[in-house]
């Protein structure tokens, strides 16, 4: 084989190798950029949902606070009928409390639930983390 065809063949092989390496690097960079973009979008979506959840919890907290301060609520009078009526009304007419509501005493015993749950009367929630946290947060 003469020198010119060898030089041409080596040049073609070098060009082919450089195109292959460049293509591989570009594909890897494109994949990394796409993954980074996907992570950013997912993070924004998660933040958006977290803000929405925070807003929903704030609304529910305000509504529970409002309900707890109503004149009908007097757990010391040993008459749960007004509280039960209020719970039933709040449960029926609320998108916030459509699953149900319960009244617990200071020791964590369930006094009433709406809708009625067979295990509620007398069941203790005192050991539940959410009840203990609520007791600590109450001050």
N, C-alpha and C. Protein backbone atom coordinates (compact mmCIF):
# COMPACT_ATOMS: atom_id res chain seq x y z
N UNK A 1 0.84 -1.17 0.00
CA UNK A 1 0.00 0.00 0.00
C UNK A 1 0.89 1.24 0.00
N UNK A 2 0.50 2.19 -0.82
CA UNK A 2 1.29 3.40 -0.94
C UNK A 2 1.02 4.33 0.23
N UNK A 3 1.80 5.34 0.34
CA UNK A 3 1.75 6.26 1.47
C UNK A 3 0.47 7.10 1.48
N UNK A 4 0.04 7.58 0.33
CA UNK A 4 -1.16 8.42 0.29
C UNK A 4 -2.41 7.68 0.77
N UNK A 5 -2.67 6.49 0.30
CA UNK A 5 -3.85 5.79 0.81
C UNK A 5 -3.76 5.50 2.31
N UNK A 6 -2.55 5.25 2.78
CA UNK A 6 -2.39 5.01 4.22
C UNK A 6 -2.70 6.28 5.01
N UNK A 7 -2.20 7.39 4.54
CA UNK A 7 -2.46 8.66 5.21
C UNK A 7 -3.96 8.96 5.18
N UNK A 8 -4.59 8.70 4.05
CA UNK A 8 -6.03 8.93 3.93
C UNK A 8 -6.80 8.01 4.88
N UNK A 9 -6.38 6.75 4.94
CA UNK A 9 -7.05 5.80 5.82
C UNK A 9 -6.87 6.19 7.29
N UNK A 10 -5.67 6.56 7.67
CA UNK A 10 -5.40 6.99 9.05
C UNK A 10 -6.19 8.26 9.36
N UNK A 11 -6.24 9.18 8.41
CA UNK A 11 -7.00 10.42 8.61
C UNK A 11 -8.48 10.13 8.78
N UNK A 12 -9.00 9.23 7.96
CA UNK A 12 -10.42 8.85 8.08
C UNK A 12 -10.70 8.18 9.42
N UNK A 13 -9.81 7.28 9.83
CA UNK A 13 -9.99 6.61 11.12
C UNK A 13 -9.91 7.61 12.28
N UNK A 14 -8.99 8.56 12.19
CA UNK A 14 -8.86 9.58 13.24
C UNK A 14 -10.12 10.45 13.27
N UNK A 15 -10.61 10.82 12.10
CA UNK A 15 -11.83 11.63 12.03
C UNK A 15 -13.02 10.84 12.58
N UNK A 16 -13.10 9.58 12.22
CA UNK A 16 -14.19 8.73 12.71
C UNK A 16 -14.12 8.59 14.23
N UNK A 17 -12.92 8.39 14.76
CA UNK A 17 -12.75 8.26 16.21
C UNK A 17 -13.13 9.57 16.91
N UNK A 18 -12.72 10.70 16.34
CA UNK A 18 -13.04 11.98 16.97
C UNK A 18 -14.54 12.25 16.92
N UNK A 19 -15.20 11.87 15.83
CA UNK A 19 -16.66 12.02 15.74
C UNK A 19 -17.34 11.12 16.77
N UNK A 20 -16.86 9.90 16.92
CA UNK A 20 -17.45 8.97 17.88
C UNK A 20 -17.27 9.48 19.31
N UNK A 21 -16.09 9.97 19.64
CA UNK A 21 -15.84 10.49 20.98
C UNK A 21 -16.68 11.74 21.23
N UNK A 22 -16.72 12.63 20.24
CA UNK A 22 -17.52 13.85 20.38
C UNK A 22 -19.00 13.51 20.54
N UNK A 23 -19.49 12.59 19.74
CA UNK A 23 -20.89 12.17 19.86
C UNK A 23 -21.21 11.57 21.21
N UNK A 24 -20.31 10.73 21.69
CA UNK A 24 -20.50 10.11 23.00
C UNK A 24 -20.52 11.17 24.10
N UNK A 25 -19.59 12.11 24.03
CA UNK A 25 -19.55 13.19 25.03
C UNK A 25 -20.80 14.06 24.97
N UNK A 26 -21.26 14.36 23.76
CA UNK A 26 -22.47 15.17 23.62
C UNK A 26 -23.70 14.44 24.15
N UNK A 27 -23.78 13.15 23.89
CA UNK A 27 -24.91 12.37 24.41
C UNK A 27 -24.88 12.32 25.94
N UNK A 28 -23.70 12.12 26.51
CA UNK A 28 -23.58 12.07 27.97
C UNK A 28 -23.95 13.42 28.58
N UNK A 29 -23.49 14.50 27.96
CA UNK A 29 -23.82 15.84 28.46
C UNK A 29 -25.31 16.11 28.34
N UNK A 30 -25.90 15.71 27.22
CA UNK A 30 -27.33 15.90 27.02
C UNK A 30 -28.13 15.12 28.06
N UNK A 31 -27.72 13.90 28.33
CA UNK A 31 -28.40 13.08 29.33
C UNK A 31 -28.29 13.72 30.72
N UNK A 32 -27.10 14.23 31.05
CA UNK A 32 -26.90 14.87 32.35
C UNK A 32 -27.75 16.14 32.46
N UNK A 33 -27.81 16.92 31.38
CA UNK A 33 -28.63 18.14 31.40
C UNK A 33 -30.11 17.81 31.53
N UNK A 34 -30.55 16.77 30.82
CA UNK A 34 -31.96 16.37 30.91
C UNK A 34 -32.30 15.88 32.32
N UNK A 35 -31.39 15.13 32.92
CA UNK A 35 -31.63 14.66 34.29
C UNK A 35 -31.67 15.83 35.26
N UNK A 36 -30.79 16.80 35.08
CA UNK A 36 -30.81 17.99 35.94
C UNK A 36 -32.09 18.79 35.77
N UNK A 37 -32.54 18.92 34.54
CA UNK A 37 -33.80 19.63 34.28
C UNK A 37 -34.98 18.89 34.91
N UNK A 38 -34.97 17.58 34.80
CA UNK A 38 -36.04 16.78 35.40
C UNK A 38 -36.04 16.93 36.92
N UNK A 39 -34.85 16.91 37.52
CA UNK A 39 -34.74 17.10 38.98
C UNK A 39 -35.29 18.47 39.38
N UNK A 40 -34.94 19.49 38.61
CA UNK A 40 -35.42 20.84 38.92
C UNK A 40 -36.94 20.91 38.83
N UNK A 41 -37.50 20.32 37.80
CA UNK A 41 -38.96 20.33 37.65
C UNK A 41 -39.63 19.56 38.78
N UNK A 42 -39.08 18.42 39.13
CA UNK A 42 -39.66 17.63 40.21
C UNK A 42 -39.56 18.38 41.54
N UNK A 43 -38.45 19.08 41.76
CA UNK A 43 -38.29 19.85 42.98
C UNK A 43 -39.32 20.99 43.02
N UNK A 44 -39.51 21.67 41.90
CA UNK A 44 -40.52 22.73 41.86
C UNK A 44 -41.92 22.18 42.11
N UNK A 45 -42.21 21.02 41.53
CA UNK A 45 -43.51 20.40 41.74
C UNK A 45 -43.69 20.01 43.21
N UNK A 46 -42.65 19.45 43.81
CA UNK A 46 -42.74 19.07 45.23
C UNK A 46 -42.91 20.31 46.10
N UNK A 47 -42.20 21.38 45.79
CA UNK A 47 -42.35 22.62 46.56
C UNK A 47 -43.76 23.18 46.41
N UNK A 48 -44.28 23.13 45.19
CA UNK A 48 -45.63 23.61 44.95
C UNK A 48 -46.63 22.82 45.77
N UNK A 49 -46.51 21.50 45.78
CA UNK A 49 -47.43 20.67 46.55
C UNK A 49 -47.26 20.91 48.05
N UNK A 50 -46.02 21.15 48.48
CA UNK A 50 -45.78 21.42 49.90
C UNK A 50 -46.45 22.73 50.32
N UNK A 51 -46.35 23.75 49.47
CA UNK A 51 -47.01 25.02 49.78
C UNK A 51 -48.53 24.84 49.81
N UNK A 52 -49.06 24.07 48.87
CA UNK A 52 -50.50 23.83 48.84
C UNK A 52 -50.94 23.07 50.10
N UNK A 53 -50.17 22.08 50.50
CA UNK A 53 -50.48 21.33 51.71
C UNK A 53 -50.40 22.23 52.94
N UNK A 54 -49.39 23.07 52.98
CA UNK A 54 -49.25 24.01 54.09
C UNK A 54 -50.45 24.94 54.18
N UNK A 55 -50.90 25.43 53.03
CA UNK A 55 -52.08 26.30 53.02
C UNK A 55 -53.32 25.54 53.49
N UNK A 56 -53.48 24.31 53.02
CA UNK A 56 -54.65 23.52 53.42
C UNK A 56 -54.63 23.23 54.92
N UNK A 57 -53.45 22.93 55.45
CA UNK A 57 -53.34 22.69 56.89
C UNK A 57 -53.61 23.96 57.69
N UNK A 58 -53.17 25.09 57.18
CA UNK A 58 -53.43 26.36 57.87
C UNK A 58 -54.93 26.64 57.90
N UNK A 59 -55.61 26.39 56.80
CA UNK A 59 -57.07 26.59 56.76
C UNK A 59 -57.75 25.64 57.73
N UNK A 60 -57.34 24.37 57.74
CA UNK A 60 -57.94 23.40 58.65
C UNK A 60 -57.67 23.78 60.11
N UNK A 61 -56.48 24.27 60.39
CA UNK A 61 -56.15 24.69 61.75
C UNK A 61 -57.02 25.87 62.18
N UNK A 62 -57.18 26.84 61.28
CA UNK A 62 -58.03 27.99 61.62
C UNK A 62 -59.48 27.54 61.85
N UNK A 63 -59.94 26.61 61.02
CA UNK A 63 -61.32 26.14 61.17
C UNK A 63 -61.49 25.37 62.48
N UNK A 64 -60.52 24.53 62.83
CA UNK A 64 -60.60 23.82 64.11
C UNK A 64 -60.55 24.79 65.28
N UNK A 65 -59.71 25.80 65.17
CA UNK A 65 -59.65 26.81 66.23
C UNK A 65 -60.98 27.53 66.35
N UNK A 66 -61.56 27.89 65.22
CA UNK A 66 -62.86 28.57 65.23
C UNK A 66 -63.93 27.67 65.86
N UNK A 67 -63.94 26.41 65.46
CA UNK A 67 -64.93 25.48 66.02
C UNK A 67 -64.73 25.29 67.52
N UNK A 68 -63.47 25.23 67.95
CA UNK A 68 -63.20 24.98 69.37
C UNK A 68 -63.57 26.17 70.25
N UNK A 69 -63.69 27.35 69.67
CA UNK A 69 -64.00 28.53 70.46
C UNK A 69 -65.49 28.90 70.41
N UNK A 70 -66.28 28.06 69.80
CA UNK A 70 -67.71 28.35 69.72
C UNK A 70 -68.36 28.17 71.10
N UNK A 71 -69.41 28.90 71.31
CA UNK A 71 -70.09 28.89 72.61
C UNK A 71 -70.68 27.52 72.94
N UNK A 72 -71.01 26.74 71.92
CA UNK A 72 -71.61 25.43 72.15
C UNK A 72 -70.65 24.46 72.84
N UNK A 73 -69.36 24.72 72.73
CA UNK A 73 -68.37 23.79 73.28
C UNK A 73 -68.09 24.09 74.74
N UNK A 74 -68.56 23.20 75.58
CA UNK A 74 -68.27 23.26 77.00
C UNK A 74 -68.17 21.82 77.49
N UNK A 75 -66.96 21.29 77.45
CA UNK A 75 -66.78 19.89 77.83
C UNK A 75 -66.94 19.67 79.33
N UNK A 76 -66.98 20.74 80.08
CA UNK A 76 -67.12 20.60 81.52
C UNK A 76 -68.56 20.43 81.98
N UNK A 77 -69.53 20.61 81.08
CA UNK A 77 -70.93 20.51 81.51
C UNK A 77 -71.47 19.08 81.46
N UNK A 78 -70.64 18.11 81.06
CA UNK A 78 -71.03 16.70 80.98
C UNK A 78 -72.22 16.44 80.06
N UNK A 79 -72.45 17.33 79.13
CA UNK A 79 -73.51 17.15 78.14
C UNK A 79 -72.87 17.30 76.76
N UNK A 80 -72.71 16.19 76.06
CA UNK A 80 -72.04 16.22 74.76
C UNK A 80 -72.99 16.48 73.60
N UNK A 81 -74.26 16.65 73.87
CA UNK A 81 -75.21 16.86 72.76
C UNK A 81 -74.89 18.11 71.95
N UNK A 82 -74.61 19.26 72.57
CA UNK A 82 -74.28 20.44 71.74
C UNK A 82 -73.00 20.23 70.93
N UNK A 83 -72.02 19.59 71.54
CA UNK A 83 -70.78 19.32 70.83
C UNK A 83 -71.02 18.34 69.67
N UNK A 84 -71.84 17.33 69.93
CA UNK A 84 -72.15 16.35 68.89
C UNK A 84 -72.89 17.01 67.73
N UNK A 85 -73.80 17.90 68.05
CA UNK A 85 -74.53 18.62 66.99
C UNK A 85 -73.57 19.47 66.17
N UNK A 86 -72.67 20.15 66.85
CA UNK A 86 -71.68 20.98 66.15
C UNK A 86 -70.78 20.11 65.28
N UNK A 87 -70.33 18.97 65.80
CA UNK A 87 -69.50 18.08 65.01
C UNK A 87 -70.24 17.55 63.79
N UNK A 88 -71.49 17.16 63.99
CA UNK A 88 -72.27 16.64 62.87
C UNK A 88 -72.43 17.71 61.80
N UNK A 89 -72.71 18.93 62.22
CA UNK A 89 -72.86 20.04 61.26
C UNK A 89 -71.53 20.31 60.55
N UNK A 90 -70.44 20.34 61.30
CA UNK A 90 -69.13 20.60 60.69
C UNK A 90 -68.75 19.49 59.73
N UNK A 91 -69.08 18.26 60.09
CA UNK A 91 -68.74 17.12 59.23
C UNK A 91 -69.55 17.15 57.93
N UNK A 92 -70.83 17.41 58.04
CA UNK A 92 -71.71 17.40 56.86
C UNK A 92 -71.41 18.55 55.91
N UNK A 93 -71.09 19.71 56.44
CA UNK A 93 -70.99 20.91 55.61
C UNK A 93 -69.55 21.35 55.37
N UNK A 94 -68.61 20.46 55.50
CA UNK A 94 -67.22 20.86 55.36
C UNK A 94 -66.49 19.97 54.37
N UNK A 95 -65.70 20.61 53.54
CA UNK A 95 -64.79 19.84 52.69
C UNK A 95 -63.49 19.54 53.43
N UNK A 96 -63.27 20.25 54.53
CA UNK A 96 -62.05 20.03 55.31
C UNK A 96 -62.14 18.79 56.19
N UNK A 97 -63.32 18.56 56.74
CA UNK A 97 -63.49 17.48 57.71
C UNK A 97 -64.46 16.43 57.20
N UNK A 98 -64.38 16.11 55.93
CA UNK A 98 -65.33 15.17 55.34
C UNK A 98 -65.07 13.73 55.75
N UNK A 99 -63.90 13.42 56.28
CA UNK A 99 -63.62 12.06 56.73
C UNK A 99 -64.19 11.84 58.12
N UNK A 100 -64.07 12.83 58.98
CA UNK A 100 -64.64 12.70 60.30
C UNK A 100 -63.97 13.61 61.31
N UNK A 101 -64.61 13.73 62.45
CA UNK A 101 -64.12 14.54 63.56
C UNK A 101 -64.29 13.76 64.85
N UNK A 102 -63.45 14.06 65.83
CA UNK A 102 -63.56 13.42 67.14
C UNK A 102 -63.35 14.46 68.23
N UNK A 103 -63.94 14.18 69.37
CA UNK A 103 -63.67 14.98 70.57
C UNK A 103 -62.91 14.08 71.52
N UNK A 104 -61.73 14.54 71.94
CA UNK A 104 -60.95 13.83 72.96
C UNK A 104 -60.87 14.72 74.19
N UNK A 105 -60.86 14.08 75.36
CA UNK A 105 -60.68 14.87 76.57
C UNK A 105 -59.19 15.12 76.78
N UNK A 106 -58.86 15.81 77.86
CA UNK A 106 -57.46 16.19 78.11
C UNK A 106 -56.55 14.98 78.32
N UNK A 107 -57.12 13.84 78.69
CA UNK A 107 -56.32 12.62 78.87
C UNK A 107 -56.21 11.81 77.59
N UNK A 108 -56.85 12.26 76.53
CA UNK A 108 -56.75 11.57 75.25
C UNK A 108 -57.83 10.54 74.99
N UNK A 109 -58.82 10.45 75.86
CA UNK A 109 -59.92 9.50 75.64
C UNK A 109 -60.92 10.09 74.65
N UNK A 110 -61.33 9.26 73.72
CA UNK A 110 -62.32 9.69 72.73
C UNK A 110 -63.69 9.77 73.40
N UNK A 111 -64.31 10.94 73.30
CA UNK A 111 -65.63 11.13 73.89
C UNK A 111 -66.73 10.99 72.85
N UNK A 112 -66.45 11.42 71.62
CA UNK A 112 -67.48 11.43 70.59
C UNK A 112 -66.80 11.46 69.23
N UNK A 113 -67.43 10.86 68.26
CA UNK A 113 -66.90 10.95 66.90
C UNK A 113 -68.05 11.14 65.93
N UNK A 114 -67.76 11.84 64.87
CA UNK A 114 -68.74 12.05 63.80
C UNK A 114 -68.04 11.77 62.49
N UNK A 115 -68.42 10.80 61.72
CA UNK A 115 -69.50 9.86 61.98
C UNK A 115 -69.14 8.92 63.13
N UNK A 116 -70.16 8.33 63.71
CA UNK A 116 -69.96 7.47 64.87
C UNK A 116 -69.05 6.30 64.52
N UNK A 117 -68.07 6.06 65.37
CA UNK A 117 -67.15 4.93 65.20
C UNK A 117 -67.28 4.04 66.42
N UNK A 118 -67.46 2.74 66.22
CA UNK A 118 -67.70 1.85 67.35
C UNK A 118 -66.59 1.87 68.40
N UNK A 119 -65.36 2.05 67.99
CA UNK A 119 -64.26 2.00 68.96
C UNK A 119 -63.97 3.32 69.64
N UNK A 120 -64.70 4.36 69.30
CA UNK A 120 -64.38 5.68 69.82
C UNK A 120 -64.66 5.86 71.30
N UNK A 121 -65.87 5.67 71.76
CA UNK A 121 -66.13 6.01 73.16
C UNK A 121 -65.19 5.27 74.11
N UNK A 122 -64.38 6.03 74.81
CA UNK A 122 -63.46 5.45 75.79
C UNK A 122 -62.09 5.09 75.25
N UNK A 123 -61.93 5.03 73.94
CA UNK A 123 -60.61 4.68 73.39
C UNK A 123 -59.62 5.79 73.72
N UNK A 124 -58.44 5.40 74.12
CA UNK A 124 -57.42 6.38 74.50
C UNK A 124 -56.45 6.62 73.35
N UNK A 125 -56.22 7.88 73.08
CA UNK A 125 -55.23 8.30 72.09
C UNK A 125 -54.03 8.94 72.78
N UNK A 126 -53.93 8.77 74.09
CA UNK A 126 -52.89 9.44 74.86
C UNK A 126 -51.49 9.05 74.42
N UNK A 127 -51.31 7.84 73.90
CA UNK A 127 -49.98 7.39 73.48
C UNK A 127 -49.66 7.73 72.03
N UNK A 128 -50.62 8.29 71.32
CA UNK A 128 -50.39 8.63 69.92
C UNK A 128 -49.47 9.84 69.82
N UNK A 129 -48.52 9.81 68.89
CA UNK A 129 -47.58 10.94 68.75
C UNK A 129 -48.29 12.26 68.46
N UNK A 130 -49.34 12.24 67.65
CA UNK A 130 -50.03 13.48 67.32
C UNK A 130 -50.71 14.08 68.54
N UNK A 131 -51.21 13.23 69.45
CA UNK A 131 -51.85 13.74 70.66
C UNK A 131 -50.81 14.33 71.60
N UNK A 132 -49.70 13.63 71.76
CA UNK A 132 -48.64 14.12 72.64
C UNK A 132 -48.06 15.43 72.12
N UNK A 133 -47.89 15.52 70.81
CA UNK A 133 -47.37 16.76 70.22
C UNK A 133 -48.37 17.91 70.43
N UNK A 134 -49.64 17.60 70.29
CA UNK A 134 -50.66 18.62 70.54
C UNK A 134 -50.67 19.09 71.98
N UNK A 135 -50.46 18.18 72.89
CA UNK A 135 -50.39 18.56 74.31
C UNK A 135 -49.19 19.46 74.57
N UNK A 136 -48.06 19.13 73.97
CA UNK A 136 -46.86 19.97 74.16
C UNK A 136 -47.05 21.33 73.51
N UNK A 137 -47.66 21.37 72.35
CA UNK A 137 -47.82 22.63 71.61
C UNK A 137 -48.84 23.54 72.27
N UNK A 138 -49.76 22.96 73.01
CA UNK A 138 -50.82 23.75 73.62
C UNK A 138 -50.27 24.73 74.64
N UNK A 139 -49.19 24.37 75.28
CA UNK A 139 -48.54 25.29 76.21
C UNK A 139 -49.03 25.27 77.59
